[in-house]
């Protein structure tokens, strides 16, 4: 009987952790959309990004591997 309780407890914990991961992914995706919206509003042409954006802003996008100039899905 203890084994069944342990399994049930683990299943509940997995469900909770799965929900947390889903929430974190949604928050990450929203952060990317917000960042990229500001990024592309300020500098709509990727060829001129280095001229109109701080190098730090470009590096932030690169560090997260965000391609702010690709077409939205």
N, C-alpha and C. Protein backbone atom coordinates (compact mmCIF):
# COMPACT_ATOMS: atom_id res chain seq x y z
N UNK A 1 0.83 -1.20 0.00
CA UNK A 1 0.00 0.00 0.00
C UNK A 1 0.87 1.26 0.00
N UNK A 2 1.97 1.24 0.71
CA UNK A 2 2.86 2.40 0.73
C UNK A 2 3.41 2.72 -0.65
N UNK A 3 3.71 1.67 -1.41
CA UNK A 3 4.23 1.88 -2.75
C UNK A 3 3.23 2.63 -3.62
N UNK A 4 1.95 2.26 -3.50
CA UNK A 4 0.92 2.95 -4.28
C UNK A 4 0.81 4.41 -3.87
N UNK A 5 0.90 4.67 -2.57
CA UNK A 5 0.85 6.06 -2.10
C UNK A 5 2.06 6.84 -2.60
N UNK A 6 3.20 6.21 -2.56
CA UNK A 6 4.42 6.86 -3.04
C UNK A 6 4.31 7.19 -4.53
N UNK A 7 3.78 6.26 -5.29
CA UNK A 7 3.60 6.49 -6.72
C UNK A 7 2.59 7.61 -6.96
N UNK A 8 1.50 7.60 -6.22
CA UNK A 8 0.48 8.65 -6.37
C UNK A 8 1.07 10.02 -6.01
N UNK A 9 1.86 10.06 -4.95
CA UNK A 9 2.50 11.31 -4.55
C UNK A 9 3.46 11.80 -5.63
N UNK A 10 4.25 10.90 -6.17
CA UNK A 10 5.18 11.27 -7.24
C UNK A 10 4.44 11.75 -8.48
N UNK A 11 3.34 11.12 -8.81
CA UNK A 11 2.54 11.55 -9.97
C UNK A 11 2.01 12.96 -9.76
N UNK A 12 1.55 13.26 -8.55
CA UNK A 12 1.06 14.61 -8.25
C UNK A 12 2.20 15.63 -8.37
N UNK A 13 3.37 15.25 -7.84
CA UNK A 13 4.52 16.16 -7.93
C UNK A 13 4.94 16.39 -9.38
N UNK A 14 4.89 15.35 -10.18
CA UNK A 14 5.22 15.49 -11.60
C UNK A 14 4.22 16.42 -12.27
N UNK A 15 2.95 16.28 -11.96
CA UNK A 15 1.93 17.16 -12.53
C UNK A 15 2.17 18.62 -12.14
N UNK A 16 2.53 18.84 -10.88
CA UNK A 16 2.80 20.20 -10.40
C UNK A 16 4.02 20.78 -11.11
N UNK A 17 5.07 19.99 -11.21
CA UNK A 17 6.30 20.46 -11.87
C UNK A 17 6.07 20.70 -13.36
N UNK A 18 5.29 19.85 -13.98
CA UNK A 18 4.97 20.04 -15.40
C UNK A 18 4.22 21.35 -15.61
N UNK A 19 3.27 21.64 -14.73
CA UNK A 19 2.53 22.90 -14.82
C UNK A 19 3.46 24.10 -14.61
N UNK A 20 4.40 23.98 -13.68
CA UNK A 20 5.36 25.06 -13.43
C UNK A 20 6.25 25.29 -14.66
N UNK A 21 6.70 24.22 -15.28
CA UNK A 21 7.53 24.35 -16.48
C UNK A 21 6.73 25.03 -17.59
N UNK A 22 5.48 24.62 -17.75
CA UNK A 22 4.64 25.25 -18.77
C UNK A 22 4.50 26.74 -18.52
N UNK A 23 4.27 27.12 -17.25
CA UNK A 23 4.12 28.53 -16.89
C UNK A 23 5.42 29.30 -17.16
N UNK A 24 6.54 28.71 -16.81
CA UNK A 24 7.83 29.37 -17.04
C UNK A 24 8.10 29.55 -18.54
N UNK A 25 7.74 28.56 -19.33
CA UNK A 25 7.92 28.68 -20.78
C UNK A 25 7.04 29.80 -21.35
N UNK A 26 5.81 29.89 -20.85
CA UNK A 26 4.92 30.96 -21.31
C UNK A 26 5.47 32.32 -20.92
N UNK A 27 6.00 32.44 -19.70
CA UNK A 27 6.59 33.71 -19.26
C UNK A 27 7.82 34.05 -20.08
N UNK A 28 8.64 33.05 -20.39
CA UNK A 28 9.83 33.28 -21.23
C UNK A 28 9.42 33.76 -22.62
N UNK A 29 8.43 33.11 -23.19
CA UNK A 29 7.98 33.48 -24.53
C UNK A 29 7.40 34.89 -24.55
N UNK A 30 6.67 35.25 -23.49
CA UNK A 30 6.11 36.61 -23.41
C UNK A 30 7.23 37.64 -23.26
N UNK A 31 8.24 37.31 -22.47
CA UNK A 31 9.39 38.22 -22.31
C UNK A 31 10.08 38.42 -23.66
N UNK A 32 10.22 37.34 -24.41
CA UNK A 32 10.85 37.45 -25.73
C UNK A 32 10.00 38.33 -26.65
N UNK A 33 8.70 38.12 -26.66
CA UNK A 33 7.82 38.94 -27.52
C UNK A 33 7.93 40.41 -27.14
N UNK A 34 7.91 40.70 -25.84
CA UNK A 34 7.98 42.09 -25.40
C UNK A 34 9.32 42.71 -25.76
N UNK A 35 10.41 42.00 -25.51
CA UNK A 35 11.74 42.50 -25.82
C UNK A 35 11.88 42.73 -27.32
N UNK A 36 11.50 41.74 -28.10
CA UNK A 36 11.66 41.85 -29.54
C UNK A 36 10.75 42.92 -30.13
N UNK A 37 9.56 43.11 -29.55
CA UNK A 37 8.68 44.16 -30.05
C UNK A 37 9.36 45.51 -29.89
N UNK A 38 9.94 45.77 -28.74
CA UNK A 38 10.68 47.01 -28.53
C UNK A 38 11.90 47.10 -29.42
N UNK A 39 12.57 46.00 -29.58
CA UNK A 39 13.78 45.91 -30.39
C UNK A 39 13.46 46.26 -31.84
N UNK A 40 12.44 45.63 -32.42
CA UNK A 40 12.14 45.84 -33.83
C UNK A 40 11.37 47.14 -34.07
N UNK A 41 10.62 47.63 -33.07
CA UNK A 41 9.96 48.93 -33.22
C UNK A 41 11.00 50.03 -33.33
N UNK A 42 12.07 49.92 -32.55
CA UNK A 42 13.12 50.93 -32.54
C UNK A 42 14.00 50.82 -33.78
N UNK A 43 14.20 49.61 -34.24
CA UNK A 43 15.10 49.39 -35.38
C UNK A 43 14.50 48.30 -36.28
N UNK A 44 13.58 48.66 -37.16
CA UNK A 44 12.87 47.65 -37.94
C UNK A 44 13.71 46.91 -38.98
N UNK A 45 14.83 47.46 -39.39
CA UNK A 45 15.65 46.83 -40.41
C UNK A 45 16.85 46.14 -39.77
N UNK A 46 16.91 44.81 -39.85
CA UNK A 46 18.01 44.09 -39.19
C UNK A 46 19.39 44.45 -39.75
N UNK A 47 19.45 44.94 -40.98
CA UNK A 47 20.73 45.32 -41.56
C UNK A 47 21.33 46.54 -40.87
N UNK A 48 20.47 47.34 -40.24
CA UNK A 48 20.95 48.55 -39.58
C UNK A 48 20.92 48.44 -38.05
N UNK A 49 20.74 47.25 -37.53
CA UNK A 49 20.62 47.06 -36.08
C UNK A 49 21.83 47.62 -35.33
N UNK A 50 23.01 47.38 -35.85
CA UNK A 50 24.21 47.85 -35.16
C UNK A 50 24.28 49.37 -35.11
N UNK A 51 23.66 50.05 -36.07
CA UNK A 51 23.72 51.51 -36.11
C UNK A 51 22.70 52.15 -35.16
N UNK A 52 21.55 51.50 -34.95
CA UNK A 52 20.50 52.16 -34.17
C UNK A 52 20.28 51.56 -32.80
N UNK A 53 21.00 50.51 -32.47
CA UNK A 53 20.84 49.89 -31.15
C UNK A 53 22.17 49.82 -30.43
N UNK A 54 22.08 49.89 -29.14
CA UNK A 54 23.27 49.69 -28.32
C UNK A 54 23.77 48.26 -28.53
N UNK A 55 25.07 48.11 -28.49
CA UNK A 55 25.65 46.76 -28.61
C UNK A 55 25.12 45.85 -27.51
N UNK A 56 24.88 46.41 -26.34
CA UNK A 56 24.37 45.61 -25.22
C UNK A 56 23.00 45.02 -25.55
N UNK A 57 22.14 45.79 -26.22
CA UNK A 57 20.81 45.28 -26.58
C UNK A 57 20.92 44.12 -27.55
N UNK A 58 21.84 44.22 -28.48
CA UNK A 58 22.05 43.14 -29.44
C UNK A 58 22.58 41.91 -28.72
N UNK A 59 23.50 42.11 -27.79
CA UNK A 59 24.07 41.00 -27.05
C UNK A 59 23.03 40.30 -26.17
N UNK A 60 22.09 41.05 -25.62
CA UNK A 60 21.02 40.44 -24.82
C UNK A 60 20.23 39.46 -25.68
N UNK A 61 19.82 39.91 -26.85
CA UNK A 61 19.06 39.04 -27.75
C UNK A 61 19.89 37.81 -28.12
N UNK A 62 21.15 38.00 -28.41
CA UNK A 62 22.01 36.87 -28.78
C UNK A 62 22.18 35.91 -27.61
N UNK A 63 22.30 36.44 -26.39
CA UNK A 63 22.54 35.58 -25.23
C UNK A 63 21.35 34.65 -24.98
N UNK A 64 20.16 35.10 -25.32
CA UNK A 64 18.97 34.26 -25.16
C UNK A 64 18.66 33.48 -26.44
N UNK A 65 19.50 33.66 -27.46
CA UNK A 65 19.31 33.04 -28.76
C UNK A 65 17.96 33.43 -29.36
N UNK A 66 17.60 34.69 -29.19
CA UNK A 66 16.35 35.23 -29.72
C UNK A 66 16.63 35.88 -31.07
N UNK A 67 15.90 35.50 -32.07
CA UNK A 67 16.00 36.14 -33.38
C UNK A 67 14.80 37.07 -33.52
N UNK A 68 14.99 38.31 -33.16
CA UNK A 68 13.89 39.26 -33.14
C UNK A 68 13.42 39.65 -34.54
N UNK A 69 14.18 39.33 -35.55
CA UNK A 69 13.81 39.75 -36.90
C UNK A 69 13.18 38.63 -37.72
N UNK A 70 13.06 37.43 -37.14
CA UNK A 70 12.41 36.36 -37.89
C UNK A 70 10.90 36.56 -37.84
N UNK A 71 10.21 35.97 -38.75
CA UNK A 71 8.77 36.09 -38.82
C UNK A 71 8.15 35.39 -37.61
N UNK A 72 7.16 36.00 -37.02
CA UNK A 72 6.45 35.38 -35.89
C UNK A 72 5.67 34.18 -36.38
N UNK A 73 5.60 33.17 -35.53
CA UNK A 73 4.87 31.95 -35.89
C UNK A 73 3.39 32.13 -35.69
